[in-house]
Every structure is written in C-alpha cells, then in structure tokens.
PDB file of all heavy atoms in Angstrom:
ATOM      1  N   LYS A   1      -6.975  13.508 -10.959  1.00  0.00           N
ATOM      2  CA  LYS A   1      -8.085  12.540 -11.491  1.00  0.00           C
ATOM      3  C   LYS A   1      -8.464  11.668 -10.294  1.00  0.00           C
ATOM      4  O   LYS A   1      -7.693  11.073  -9.602  1.00  0.00           O
ATOM      5  CB  LYS A   1      -7.415  11.685 -12.606  1.00  0.00           C
ATOM      6  CG  LYS A   1      -8.397  10.782 -13.190  1.00  0.00           C
ATOM      7  CD  LYS A   1      -7.750   9.957 -14.275  1.00  0.00           C
ATOM      8  CE  LYS A   1      -8.725   8.982 -14.941  1.00  0.00           C
ATOM      9  NZ  LYS A   1      -8.044   8.190 -16.020  1.00  0.00           N
ATOM     10  N   ALA A   2      -9.815  11.672 -10.083  1.00  0.00           N
ATOM     11  CA  ALA A   2     -10.405  10.962  -8.958  1.00  0.00           C
ATOM     12  C   ALA A   2     -10.695   9.542  -9.559  1.00  0.00           C
ATOM     13  O   ALA A   2     -11.331   9.371 -10.666  1.00  0.00           O
ATOM     14  CB  ALA A   2     -11.619  11.532  -8.488  1.00  0.00           C
ATOM     15  N   ILE A   3     -10.188   8.452  -8.898  1.00  0.00           N
ATOM     16  CA  ILE A   3     -10.324   7.128  -9.411  1.00  0.00           C
ATOM     17  C   ILE A   3     -10.848   6.234  -8.331  1.00  0.00           C
ATOM     18  O   ILE A   3     -10.374   6.214  -7.147  1.00  0.00           O
ATOM     19  CB  ILE A   3      -8.967   6.592  -9.773  1.00  0.00           C
ATOM     20  CG1 ILE A   3      -8.434   7.526 -10.917  1.00  0.00           C
ATOM     21  CG2 ILE A   3      -9.038   5.145 -10.288  1.00  0.00           C
ATOM     22  CD1 ILE A   3      -6.912   7.211 -11.163  1.00  0.00           C
ATOM     23  N   GLU A   4     -11.917   5.404  -8.595  1.00  0.00           N
ATOM     24  CA  GLU A   4     -12.224   4.314  -7.710  1.00  0.00           C
ATOM     25  C   GLU A   4     -11.422   3.111  -8.100  1.00  0.00           C
ATOM     26  O   GLU A   4     -11.534   2.527  -9.200  1.00  0.00           O
ATOM     27  CB  GLU A   4     -13.755   4.019  -7.814  1.00  0.00           C
ATOM     28  CG  GLU A   4     -14.222   2.966  -6.819  1.00  0.00           C
ATOM     29  CD  GLU A   4     -15.736   2.841  -6.804  1.00  0.00           C
ATOM     30  OE1 GLU A   4     -16.392   3.758  -7.165  1.00  0.00           O
ATOM     31  OE2 GLU A   4     -16.194   1.696  -6.412  1.00  0.00           O
ATOM     32  N   PRO A   5     -10.552   2.710  -7.205  1.00  0.00           N
ATOM     33  CA  PRO A   5      -9.603   1.637  -7.513  1.00  0.00           C
ATOM     34  C   PRO A   5     -10.345   0.176  -7.763  1.00  0.00           C
ATOM     35  O   PRO A   5     -11.279  -0.028  -7.097  1.00  0.00           O
ATOM     36  CB  PRO A   5      -8.698   1.476  -6.352  1.00  0.00           C
ATOM     37  CG  PRO A   5      -9.388   2.082  -5.234  1.00  0.00           C
ATOM     38  CD  PRO A   5     -10.346   3.064  -5.834  1.00  0.00           C
ATOM     39  N   GLU A   6      -9.769  -0.557  -8.598  1.00  0.00           N
ATOM     40  CA  GLU A   6     -10.244  -1.970  -8.778  1.00  0.00           C
ATOM     41  C   GLU A   6     -10.098  -2.716  -7.485  1.00  0.00           C
ATOM     42  O   GLU A   6      -8.981  -2.776  -7.049  1.00  0.00           O
ATOM     43  CB  GLU A   6      -9.543  -2.629  -9.970  1.00  0.00           C
ATOM     44  CG  GLU A   6     -10.040  -3.992 -10.334  1.00  0.00           C
ATOM     45  CD  GLU A   6     -11.325  -3.905 -10.952  1.00  0.00           C
ATOM     46  OE1 GLU A   6     -11.598  -2.996 -11.762  1.00  0.00           O
ATOM     47  OE2 GLU A   6     -12.150  -4.922 -10.847  1.00  0.00           O
ATOM     48  N   THR A   7     -11.125  -3.203  -6.920  1.00  0.00           N
ATOM     49  CA  THR A   7     -11.065  -3.761  -5.631  1.00  0.00           C
ATOM     50  C   THR A   7     -11.858  -5.140  -5.610  1.00  0.00           C
ATOM     51  O   THR A   7     -12.864  -5.295  -6.206  1.00  0.00           O
ATOM     52  CB  THR A   7     -11.704  -2.912  -4.517  1.00  0.00           C
ATOM     53  OG1 THR A   7     -11.004  -1.579  -4.597  1.00  0.00           O
ATOM     54  CG2 THR A   7     -11.620  -3.494  -3.113  1.00  0.00           C
ATOM     55  N   THR A   8     -11.237  -6.129  -4.927  1.00  0.00           N
ATOM     56  CA  THR A   8     -11.840  -7.445  -4.740  1.00  0.00           C
ATOM     57  C   THR A   8     -11.921  -7.721  -3.293  1.00  0.00           C
ATOM     58  O   THR A   8     -11.099  -7.491  -2.519  1.00  0.00           O
ATOM     59  CB  THR A   8     -10.890  -8.518  -5.438  1.00  0.00           C
ATOM     60  OG1 THR A   8     -10.613  -8.179  -6.784  1.00  0.00           O
ATOM     61  CG2 THR A   8     -11.544  -9.957  -5.299  1.00  0.00           C
ATOM     62  N   VAL A   9     -13.207  -8.211  -2.882  1.00  0.00           N
ATOM     63  CA  VAL A   9     -13.473  -8.619  -1.505  1.00  0.00           C
ATOM     64  C   VAL A   9     -13.680 -10.043  -1.497  1.00  0.00           C
ATOM     65  O   VAL A   9     -14.569 -10.555  -2.098  1.00  0.00           O
ATOM     66  CB  VAL A   9     -14.694  -7.781  -0.951  1.00  0.00           C
ATOM     67  CG1 VAL A   9     -14.935  -8.193   0.467  1.00  0.00           C
ATOM     68  CG2 VAL A   9     -14.441  -6.311  -1.026  1.00  0.00           C
ATOM     69  N   LEU A  10     -12.848 -10.758  -0.668  1.00  0.00           N
ATOM     70  CA  LEU A  10     -12.992 -12.208  -0.564  1.00  0.00           C
ATOM     71  C   LEU A  10     -13.343 -12.535   0.887  1.00  0.00           C
ATOM     72  O   LEU A  10     -12.515 -12.213   1.767  1.00  0.00           O
ATOM     73  CB  LEU A  10     -11.666 -12.968  -0.902  1.00  0.00           C
ATOM     74  CG  LEU A  10     -11.130 -12.672  -2.326  1.00  0.00           C
ATOM     75  CD1 LEU A  10      -9.687 -13.211  -2.455  1.00  0.00           C
ATOM     76  CD2 LEU A  10     -12.016 -13.235  -3.406  1.00  0.00           C
ATOM     77  N   GLU A  11     -14.474 -13.222   0.988  1.00  0.00           N
ATOM     78  CA  GLU A  11     -14.868 -13.575   2.364  1.00  0.00           C
ATOM     79  C   GLU A  11     -14.577 -15.066   2.646  1.00  0.00           C
ATOM     80  O   GLU A  11     -14.880 -15.939   1.896  1.00  0.00           O
ATOM     81  CB  GLU A  11     -16.422 -13.438   2.450  1.00  0.00           C
ATOM     82  CG  GLU A  11     -16.948 -13.680   3.910  1.00  0.00           C
ATOM     83  CD  GLU A  11     -18.383 -13.389   4.011  1.00  0.00           C
ATOM     84  OE1 GLU A  11     -19.065 -12.808   3.024  1.00  0.00           O
ATOM     85  OE2 GLU A  11     -19.035 -13.814   5.017  1.00  0.00           O
ATOM     86  N   GLU A  12     -13.823 -15.291   3.804  1.00  0.00           N
ATOM     87  CA  GLU A  12     -13.549 -16.673   4.190  1.00  0.00           C
ATOM     88  C   GLU A  12     -14.286 -16.812   5.531  1.00  0.00           C
ATOM     89  O   GLU A  12     -14.984 -15.921   5.921  1.00  0.00           O
ATOM     90  CB  GLU A  12     -11.965 -16.791   4.335  1.00  0.00           C
ATOM     91  CG  GLU A  12     -11.300 -16.575   2.985  1.00  0.00           C
ATOM     92  CD  GLU A  12      -9.879 -16.503   3.061  1.00  0.00           C
ATOM     93  OE1 GLU A  12      -9.276 -16.925   4.133  1.00  0.00           O
ATOM     94  OE2 GLU A  12      -9.182 -16.163   2.107  1.00  0.00           O
ATOM     95  N   GLU A  13     -14.089 -17.941   6.094  1.00  0.00           N
ATOM     96  CA  GLU A  13     -14.896 -18.215   7.317  1.00  0.00           C
ATOM     97  C   GLU A  13     -14.843 -17.123   8.412  1.00  0.00           C
ATOM     98  O   GLU A  13     -15.890 -16.684   8.730  1.00  0.00           O
ATOM     99  CB  GLU A  13     -14.480 -19.614   7.920  1.00  0.00           C
ATOM    100  CG  GLU A  13     -15.339 -20.065   9.059  1.00  0.00           C
ATOM    101  CD  GLU A  13     -14.875 -21.462   9.410  1.00  0.00           C
ATOM    102  OE1 GLU A  13     -14.594 -22.329   8.658  1.00  0.00           O
ATOM    103  OE2 GLU A  13     -15.027 -21.772  10.636  1.00  0.00           O
ATOM    104  N   LYS A  14     -13.670 -16.776   8.864  1.00  0.00           N
ATOM    105  CA  LYS A  14     -13.585 -15.873   9.963  1.00  0.00           C
ATOM    106  C   LYS A  14     -12.889 -14.553   9.527  1.00  0.00           C
ATOM    107  O   LYS A  14     -12.828 -13.629  10.371  1.00  0.00           O
ATOM    108  CB  LYS A  14     -12.840 -16.527  11.143  1.00  0.00           C
ATOM    109  CG  LYS A  14     -13.639 -17.611  11.783  1.00  0.00           C
ATOM    110  CD  LYS A  14     -12.841 -18.171  12.938  1.00  0.00           C
ATOM    111  CE  LYS A  14     -13.575 -19.360  13.504  1.00  0.00           C
ATOM    112  NZ  LYS A  14     -12.852 -19.902  14.670  1.00  0.00           N
ATOM    113  N   ILE A  15     -12.420 -14.506   8.272  1.00  0.00           N
ATOM    114  CA  ILE A  15     -11.749 -13.299   7.906  1.00  0.00           C
ATOM    115  C   ILE A  15     -12.225 -12.819   6.576  1.00  0.00           C
ATOM    116  O   ILE A  15     -12.958 -13.500   5.853  1.00  0.00           O
ATOM    117  CB  ILE A  15     -10.233 -13.517   7.730  1.00  0.00           C
ATOM    118  CG1 ILE A  15      -9.866 -14.579   6.688  1.00  0.00           C
ATOM    119  CG2 ILE A  15      -9.632 -13.983   9.047  1.00  0.00           C
ATOM    120  CD1 ILE A  15      -8.426 -14.627   6.263  1.00  0.00           C
ATOM    121  N   LEU A  16     -11.852 -11.535   6.257  1.00  0.00           N
ATOM    122  CA  LEU A  16     -12.208 -10.945   4.964  1.00  0.00           C
ATOM    123  C   LEU A  16     -10.952 -10.316   4.380  1.00  0.00           C
ATOM    124  O   LEU A  16     -10.202  -9.807   5.077  1.00  0.00           O
ATOM    125  CB  LEU A  16     -13.143  -9.826   5.333  1.00  0.00           C
ATOM    126  CG  LEU A  16     -13.773  -9.138   4.150  1.00  0.00           C
ATOM    127  CD1 LEU A  16     -14.950 -10.058   3.590  1.00  0.00           C
ATOM    128  CD2 LEU A  16     -14.441  -7.849   4.572  1.00  0.00           C
ATOM    129  N   ARG A  17     -10.757 -10.652   3.114  1.00  0.00           N
ATOM    130  CA  ARG A  17      -9.608 -10.104   2.340  1.00  0.00           C
ATOM    131  C   ARG A  17     -10.043  -9.055   1.387  1.00  0.00           C
ATOM    132  O   ARG A  17     -10.892  -9.324   0.649  1.00  0.00           O
ATOM    133  CB  ARG A  17      -8.800 -11.264   1.673  1.00  0.00           C
ATOM    134  CG  ARG A  17      -8.109 -12.195   2.638  1.00  0.00           C
ATOM    135  CD  ARG A  17      -7.296 -13.209   1.790  1.00  0.00           C
ATOM    136  NE  ARG A  17      -6.991 -14.370   2.580  1.00  0.00           N
ATOM    137  CZ  ARG A  17      -5.878 -14.320   3.290  1.00  0.00           C
ATOM    138  NH1 ARG A  17      -5.051 -13.245   3.372  1.00  0.00           N
ATOM    139  NH2 ARG A  17      -5.533 -15.393   4.037  1.00  0.00           N
ATOM    140  N   ILE A  18      -9.408  -8.001   1.474  1.00  0.00           N
ATOM    141  CA  ILE A  18      -9.734  -6.879   0.509  1.00  0.00           C
ATOM    142  C   ILE A  18      -8.528  -6.583  -0.259  1.00  0.00           C
ATOM    143  O   ILE A  18      -7.362  -6.299   0.335  1.00  0.00           O
ATOM    144  CB  ILE A  18     -10.218  -5.627   1.254  1.00  0.00           C
ATOM    145  CG1 ILE A  18     -11.519  -5.865   1.987  1.00  0.00           C
ATOM    146  CG2 ILE A  18     -10.443  -4.431   0.207  1.00  0.00           C
ATOM    147  CD1 ILE A  18     -11.930  -4.770   2.753  1.00  0.00           C
ATOM    148  N   ARG A  19      -8.472  -6.657  -1.530  1.00  0.00           N
ATOM    149  CA  ARG A  19      -7.371  -6.339  -2.443  1.00  0.00           C
ATOM    150  C   ARG A  19      -7.729  -5.142  -3.372  1.00  0.00           C
ATOM    151  O   ARG A  19      -8.745  -5.126  -4.000  1.00  0.00           O
ATOM    152  CB  ARG A  19      -7.009  -7.595  -3.293  1.00  0.00           C
ATOM    153  CG  ARG A  19      -6.458  -8.701  -2.544  1.00  0.00           C
ATOM    154  CD  ARG A  19      -5.847  -9.765  -3.431  1.00  0.00           C
ATOM    155  NE  ARG A  19      -5.336 -10.977  -2.605  1.00  0.00           N
ATOM    156  CZ  ARG A  19      -5.846 -12.164  -2.676  1.00  0.00           C
ATOM    157  NH1 ARG A  19      -6.901 -12.372  -3.519  1.00  0.00           N
ATOM    158  NH2 ARG A  19      -5.337 -13.032  -1.922  1.00  0.00           N
ATOM    159  N   SER A  20      -6.869  -4.150  -3.270  1.00  0.00           N
ATOM    160  CA  SER A  20      -7.202  -3.023  -4.002  1.00  0.00           C
ATOM    161  C   SER A  20      -6.003  -2.568  -4.874  1.00  0.00           C
ATOM    162  O   SER A  20      -4.917  -2.509  -4.268  1.00  0.00           O
ATOM    163  CB  SER A  20      -7.689  -1.822  -3.044  1.00  0.00           C
ATOM    164  OG  SER A  20      -8.128  -0.740  -3.691  1.00  0.00           O
ATOM    165  N   GLU A  21      -6.151  -2.301  -6.166  1.00  0.00           N
ATOM    166  CA  GLU A  21      -5.133  -1.880  -7.046  1.00  0.00           C
ATOM    167  C   GLU A  21      -4.825  -0.356  -6.925  1.00  0.00           C
ATOM    168  O   GLU A  21      -5.734   0.353  -7.264  1.00  0.00           O
ATOM    169  CB  GLU A  21      -5.447  -2.440  -8.497  1.00  0.00           C
ATOM    170  CG  GLU A  21      -5.573  -3.848  -8.540  1.00  0.00           C
ATOM    171  CD  GLU A  21      -5.819  -4.317 -10.004  1.00  0.00           C
ATOM    172  OE1 GLU A  21      -5.610  -3.514 -10.928  1.00  0.00           O
ATOM    173  OE2 GLU A  21      -6.312  -5.426 -10.125  1.00  0.00           O
ATOM    174  N   LEU A  22      -3.657  -0.007  -6.525  1.00  0.00           N
ATOM    175  CA  LEU A  22      -3.240   1.369  -6.439  1.00  0.00           C
ATOM    176  C   LEU A  22      -1.974   1.571  -7.178  1.00  0.00           C
ATOM    177  O   LEU A  22      -0.970   1.832  -6.637  1.00  0.00           O
ATOM    178  CB  LEU A  22      -3.130   1.682  -4.952  1.00  0.00           C
ATOM    179  CG  LEU A  22      -4.347   1.463  -4.051  1.00  0.00           C
ATOM    180  CD1 LEU A  22      -4.063   1.589  -2.608  1.00  0.00           C
ATOM    181  CD2 LEU A  22      -5.462   2.429  -4.446  1.00  0.00           C
ATOM    182  N   PRO A  23      -1.987   1.553  -8.497  1.00  0.00           N
ATOM    183  CA  PRO A  23      -0.730   1.626  -9.287  1.00  0.00           C
ATOM    184  C   PRO A  23      -0.085   3.025  -9.139  1.00  0.00           C
ATOM    185  O   PRO A  23      -0.809   3.967  -9.143  1.00  0.00           O
ATOM    186  CB  PRO A  23      -1.165   1.297 -10.766  1.00  0.00           C
ATOM    187  CG  PRO A  23      -2.576   1.614 -10.700  1.00  0.00           C
ATOM    188  CD  PRO A  23      -3.148   1.258  -9.341  1.00  0.00           C
ATOM    189  N   GLY A  24       1.218   2.924  -8.918  1.00  0.00           N
ATOM    190  CA  GLY A  24       1.975   4.214  -8.932  1.00  0.00           C
ATOM    191  C   GLY A  24       1.919   5.016  -7.557  1.00  0.00           C
ATOM    192  O   GLY A  24       2.574   6.084  -7.488  1.00  0.00           O
ATOM    193  N   ILE A  25       1.288   4.381  -6.615  1.00  0.00           N
ATOM    194  CA  ILE A  25       1.115   5.067  -5.316  1.00  0.00           C
ATOM    195  C   ILE A  25       2.234   4.526  -4.387  1.00  0.00           C
ATOM    196  O   ILE A  25       2.530   3.285  -4.289  1.00  0.00           O
ATOM    197  CB  ILE A  25      -0.241   4.722  -4.682  1.00  0.00           C
ATOM    198  CG1 ILE A  25      -1.407   5.367  -5.563  1.00  0.00           C
ATOM    199  CG2 ILE A  25      -0.340   5.280  -3.187  1.00  0.00           C
ATOM    200  CD1 ILE A  25      -1.383   6.962  -5.578  1.00  0.00           C
ATOM    201  N   ALA A  26       2.879   5.426  -3.561  1.00  0.00           N
ATOM    202  CA  ALA A  26       3.792   4.941  -2.553  1.00  0.00           C
ATOM    203  C   ALA A  26       3.003   4.477  -1.285  1.00  0.00           C
ATOM    204  O   ALA A  26       1.887   5.152  -0.977  1.00  0.00           O
ATOM    205  CB  ALA A  26       4.748   6.091  -2.205  1.00  0.00           C
ATOM    206  N   GLU A  27       3.496   3.593  -0.605  1.00  0.00           N
ATOM    207  CA  GLU A  27       2.678   3.032   0.550  1.00  0.00           C
ATOM    208  C   GLU A  27       2.426   4.155   1.587  1.00  0.00           C
ATOM    209  O   GLU A  27       1.372   4.065   2.203  1.00  0.00           O
ATOM    210  CB  GLU A  27       3.629   1.915   1.204  1.00  0.00           C
ATOM    211  CG  GLU A  27       2.898   1.237   2.314  1.00  0.00           C
ATOM    212  CD  GLU A  27       3.566  -0.050   2.806  1.00  0.00           C
ATOM    213  OE1 GLU A  27       4.712  -0.378   2.310  1.00  0.00           O
ATOM    214  OE2 GLU A  27       2.992  -0.780   3.718  1.00  0.00           O
ATOM    215  N   GLU A  28       3.392   5.008   1.832  1.00  0.00           N
ATOM    216  CA  GLU A  28       3.081   6.061   2.786  1.00  0.00           C
ATOM    217  C   GLU A  28       2.049   7.074   2.440  1.00  0.00           C
ATOM    218  O   GLU A  28       1.551   7.896   3.250  1.00  0.00           O
ATOM    219  CB  GLU A  28       4.397   6.884   3.086  1.00  0.00           C
ATOM    220  CG  GLU A  28       5.064   7.570   1.946  1.00  0.00           C
ATOM    221  CD  GLU A  28       6.094   6.704   1.189  1.00  0.00           C
ATOM    222  OE1 GLU A  28       6.231   5.498   1.419  1.00  0.00           O
ATOM    223  OE2 GLU A  28       6.683   7.280   0.306  1.00  0.00           O
ATOM    224  N   LYS A  29       1.636   6.977   1.212  1.00  0.00           N
ATOM    225  CA  LYS A  29       0.512   7.852   0.713  1.00  0.00           C
ATOM    226  C   LYS A  29      -0.971   7.141   0.802  1.00  0.00           C
ATOM    227  O   LYS A  29      -1.921   7.732   0.419  1.00  0.00           O
ATOM    228  CB  LYS A  29       0.676   8.246  -0.709  1.00  0.00           C
ATOM    229  CG  LYS A  29       1.987   8.989  -0.998  1.00  0.00           C
ATOM    230  CD  LYS A  29       1.927  10.430  -0.462  1.00  0.00           C
ATOM    231  CE  LYS A  29       3.172  11.108  -0.822  1.00  0.00           C
ATOM    232  NZ  LYS A  29       2.946  12.591  -0.373  1.00  0.00           N
ATOM    233  N   ILE A  30      -0.990   5.998   1.407  1.00  0.00           N
ATOM    234  CA  ILE A  30      -2.171   5.216   1.629  1.00  0.00           C
ATOM    235  C   ILE A  30      -2.738   5.453   3.012  1.00  0.00           C
ATOM    236  O   ILE A  30      -1.983   5.369   3.969  1.00  0.00           O
ATOM    237  CB  ILE A  30      -1.931   3.754   1.347  1.00  0.00           C
ATOM    238  CG1 ILE A  30      -1.419   3.510  -0.083  1.00  0.00           C
ATOM    239  CG2 ILE A  30      -3.254   2.985   1.611  1.00  0.00           C
ATOM    240  CD1 ILE A  30      -1.006   2.085  -0.340  1.00  0.00           C
ATOM    241  N   ARG A  31      -4.015   5.755   3.127  1.00  0.00           N
ATOM    242  CA  ARG A  31      -4.692   5.851   4.415  1.00  0.00           C
ATOM    243  C   ARG A  31      -5.868   4.902   4.446  1.00  0.00           C
ATOM    244  O   ARG A  31      -6.654   4.865   3.483  1.00  0.00           O
ATOM    245  CB  ARG A  31      -5.190   7.275   4.625  1.00  0.00           C
ATOM    246  CG  ARG A  31      -5.665   7.543   6.072  1.00  0.00           C
ATOM    247  CD  ARG A  31      -6.050   8.855   6.399  1.00  0.00           C
ATOM    248  NE  ARG A  31      -7.474   8.916   6.254  1.00  0.00           N
ATOM    249  CZ  ARG A  31      -8.105  10.045   5.921  1.00  0.00           C
ATOM    250  NH1 ARG A  31      -7.524  11.196   5.680  1.00  0.00           N
ATOM    251  NH2 ARG A  31      -9.457   9.991   5.930  1.00  0.00           N
ATOM    252  N   ILE A  32      -6.083   4.186   5.479  1.00  0.00           N
ATOM    253  CA  ILE A  32      -7.168   3.248   5.781  1.00  0.00           C
ATOM    254  C   ILE A  32      -7.944   3.674   6.910  1.00  0.00           C
ATOM    255  O   ILE A  32      -7.387   3.764   8.033  1.00  0.00           O
ATOM    256  CB  ILE A  32      -6.622   1.749   5.858  1.00  0.00           C
ATOM    257  CG1 ILE A  32      -5.752   1.401   4.664  1.00  0.00           C
ATOM    258  CG2 ILE A  32      -7.777   0.774   6.055  1.00  0.00           C
ATOM    259  CD1 ILE A  32      -4.793   0.262   4.893  1.00  0.00           C
ATOM    260  N   ASP A  33      -9.200   3.870   6.710  1.00  0.00           N
ATOM    261  CA  ASP A  33     -10.143   4.135   7.817  1.00  0.00           C
ATOM    262  C   ASP A  33     -11.051   2.855   8.043  1.00  0.00           C
ATOM    263  O   ASP A  33     -11.685   2.403   7.098  1.00  0.00           O
ATOM    264  CB  ASP A  33     -10.918   5.398   7.686  1.00  0.00           C
ATOM    265  CG  ASP A  33     -10.166   6.589   7.564  1.00  0.00           C
ATOM    266  OD1 ASP A  33      -9.082   6.698   8.238  1.00  0.00           O
ATOM    267  OD2 ASP A  33     -10.506   7.573   6.790  1.00  0.00           O
ATOM    268  N   LEU A  34     -11.211   2.434   9.281  1.00  0.00           N
ATOM    269  CA  LEU A  34     -12.042   1.291   9.548  1.00  0.00           C
ATOM    270  C   LEU A  34     -12.977   1.688  10.769  1.00  0.00           C
ATOM    271  O   LEU A  34     -12.531   2.065  11.850  1.00  0.00           O
ATOM    272  CB  LEU A  34     -11.151   0.143  10.002  1.00  0.00           C
ATOM    273  CG  LEU A  34     -11.806  -1.242  10.428  1.00  0.00           C
ATOM    274  CD1 LEU A  34     -12.747  -1.589   9.210  1.00  0.00           C
ATOM    275  CD2 LEU A  34     -10.878  -2.234  10.776  1.00  0.00           C
ATOM    276  N   ASP A  35     -14.255   1.628  10.468  1.00  0.00           N
ATOM    277  CA  ASP A  35     -15.342   2.012  11.478  1.00  0.00           C
ATOM    278  C   ASP A  35     -16.320   0.933  11.517  1.00  0.00           C
ATOM    279  O   ASP A  35     -17.294   0.975  10.677  1.00  0.00           O
ATOM    280  CB  ASP A  35     -15.823   3.386  11.161  1.00  0.00           C
ATOM    281  CG  ASP A  35     -16.836   3.834  12.224  1.00  0.00           C
ATOM    282  OD1 ASP A  35     -16.770   3.354  13.399  1.00  0.00           O
ATOM    283  OD2 ASP A  35     -17.660   4.731  11.920  1.00  0.00           O
TER     284      ASP A  35
END
C-alpha cells in the first residue's frame, strides 16, 4: 500500500522542523533525500 504520511512543517526563524508519521516502520528502513 502506497501511503503519503501525515506530515507537519514548522518554520522557525533560522530552522525548519519536519515531522512525519511513519507507524510500524523501523528506523533503518527510512531514507531521506535532500537536494
């Protein structure tokens, strides 16, 4: 099942916080690409 996770983006002065819900996923199964 392809799922778009529930995600919140919070912008602060110099930083950005992204929170994404990935229930049931092991940390080693997560990949983050930043470009």
